[in-house]
Amino acid sequence: MEIEKKIWPQYFEKILSGEKKFEIRLADFEVNSGDVLVLREWNPETKEYTGRKIEKMVKYVSKINNLSTYSKEQMEKYGLQVIGF
């Protein structure tokens, strides 16, 4: 399955360069090993897509529930997932 998500430019660049090989995302969607994560670069200042995208095969998914990046309500409802490329 293909799953499309926004990604900010600084993270897009790190994935493009090969430095970053994972994503930490709110677990508000289903993703499994073998899926393709389509990451479309999103500029948060202009609130528009840049036109660049990366497709990455998902190799590993693990859900966690104890980070403070998201609100308590979001964490309780969804948890987080680590997506390895």
Protein backbone atom coordinates (compact mmCIF):
# COMPACT_ATOMS: atom_id res chain seq x y z
CA MET A 1 0.00 0.00 0.00
CA GLU A 2 1.16 3.59 -0.65
CA ILE A 3 0.77 6.11 2.15
CA GLU A 4 1.28 9.81 1.40
CA LYS A 5 2.44 12.25 4.11
CA LYS A 6 3.76 15.79 4.32
CA ILE A 7 7.35 16.37 5.41
CA TRP A 8 9.08 19.64 6.25
CA PRO A 9 12.11 20.69 4.14
CA GLN A 10 14.79 20.12 6.79
CA TYR A 11 13.68 16.49 7.28
CA PHE A 12 13.17 15.94 3.54
CA GLU A 13 16.78 16.97 2.90
CA LYS A 14 18.15 14.59 5.55
CA ILE A 15 16.23 11.67 4.05
CA LEU A 16 17.26 12.67 0.53
CA SER A 17 20.94 12.71 1.55
CA GLY A 18 20.63 9.31 3.23
CA GLU A 19 21.45 10.69 6.68
CA LYS A 20 17.94 10.03 8.07
CA LYS A 21 16.54 6.54 7.66
CA PHE A 22 13.44 6.68 9.87
CA GLU A 23 10.34 8.74 10.64
CA ILE A 24 8.56 9.29 13.93
CA ARG A 25 4.90 9.99 13.25
CA LEU A 26 1.67 10.20 15.16
CA ALA A 27 0.16 6.73 14.89
CA ASP A 28 -3.11 8.05 13.45
CA PHE A 29 -2.77 5.91 10.31
CA GLU A 30 -2.04 2.26 9.56
CA VAL A 31 1.40 1.42 8.15
CA ASN A 32 3.13 -1.93 7.84
CA SER A 33 6.40 -3.40 6.62
CA GLY A 34 6.29 -3.57 2.83
CA ASP A 35 4.18 -0.42 2.44
CA VAL A 36 5.58 2.55 0.50
CA LEU A 37 5.73 5.86 2.35
CA VAL A 38 5.43 8.75 -0.11
CA LEU A 39 6.87 11.84 1.58
CA ARG A 40 5.89 15.10 -0.14
CA GLU A 41 7.94 18.14 0.85
CA TRP A 42 5.74 20.77 2.52
CA ASN A 43 6.79 24.34 3.20
CA PRO A 44 5.19 25.34 6.54
CA GLU A 45 5.76 29.05 5.84
CA THR A 46 3.93 29.16 2.50
CA LYS A 47 1.61 26.25 3.43
CA GLU A 48 2.24 24.69 0.01
CA TYR A 49 3.89 21.59 -1.39
CA THR A 50 7.26 22.27 -3.06
CA GLY A 51 6.73 19.64 -5.76
CA ARG A 52 9.46 17.32 -4.47
CA LYS A 53 8.71 13.86 -3.11
CA ILE A 54 10.53 10.76 -1.92
CA GLU A 55 9.18 7.22 -1.93
CA LYS A 56 10.55 4.90 0.76
CA MET A 57 9.82 1.23 1.38
CA VAL A 58 8.81 0.65 5.00
CA LYS A 59 11.03 -1.99 6.60
CA TYR A 60 10.07 -1.66 10.26
CA VAL A 61 7.28 -0.14 12.38
CA SER A 62 7.22 0.15 16.19
CA LYS A 63 4.64 2.04 18.24
CA ILE A 64 5.57 3.91 21.44
CA ASN A 65 3.47 5.90 23.91
CA ASN A 66 5.68 8.14 26.08
CA LEU A 67 7.05 11.19 24.22
CA SER A 68 6.09 14.82 24.87
CA THR A 69 6.17 16.00 21.21
CA TYR A 70 2.40 15.63 20.87
CA SER A 71 -0.44 16.58 23.18
CA LYS A 72 -1.51 14.20 25.94
CA GLU A 73 -4.82 13.67 24.14
CA GLN A 74 -3.10 12.77 20.85
CA MET A 75 -0.67 10.44 22.61
CA GLU A 76 -3.46 8.68 24.50
CA LYS A 77 -5.55 8.30 21.36
CA TYR A 78 -2.87 7.27 18.85
CA GLY A 79 0.56 6.70 20.40
CA LEU A 80 3.54 7.14 18.08
CA GLN A 81 5.19 4.94 15.50
CA VAL A 82 8.80 4.75 14.38
CA ILE A 83 9.07 4.00 10.67
CA GLY A 84 12.43 2.68 9.47
CA PHE A 85 13.49 2.82 5.82
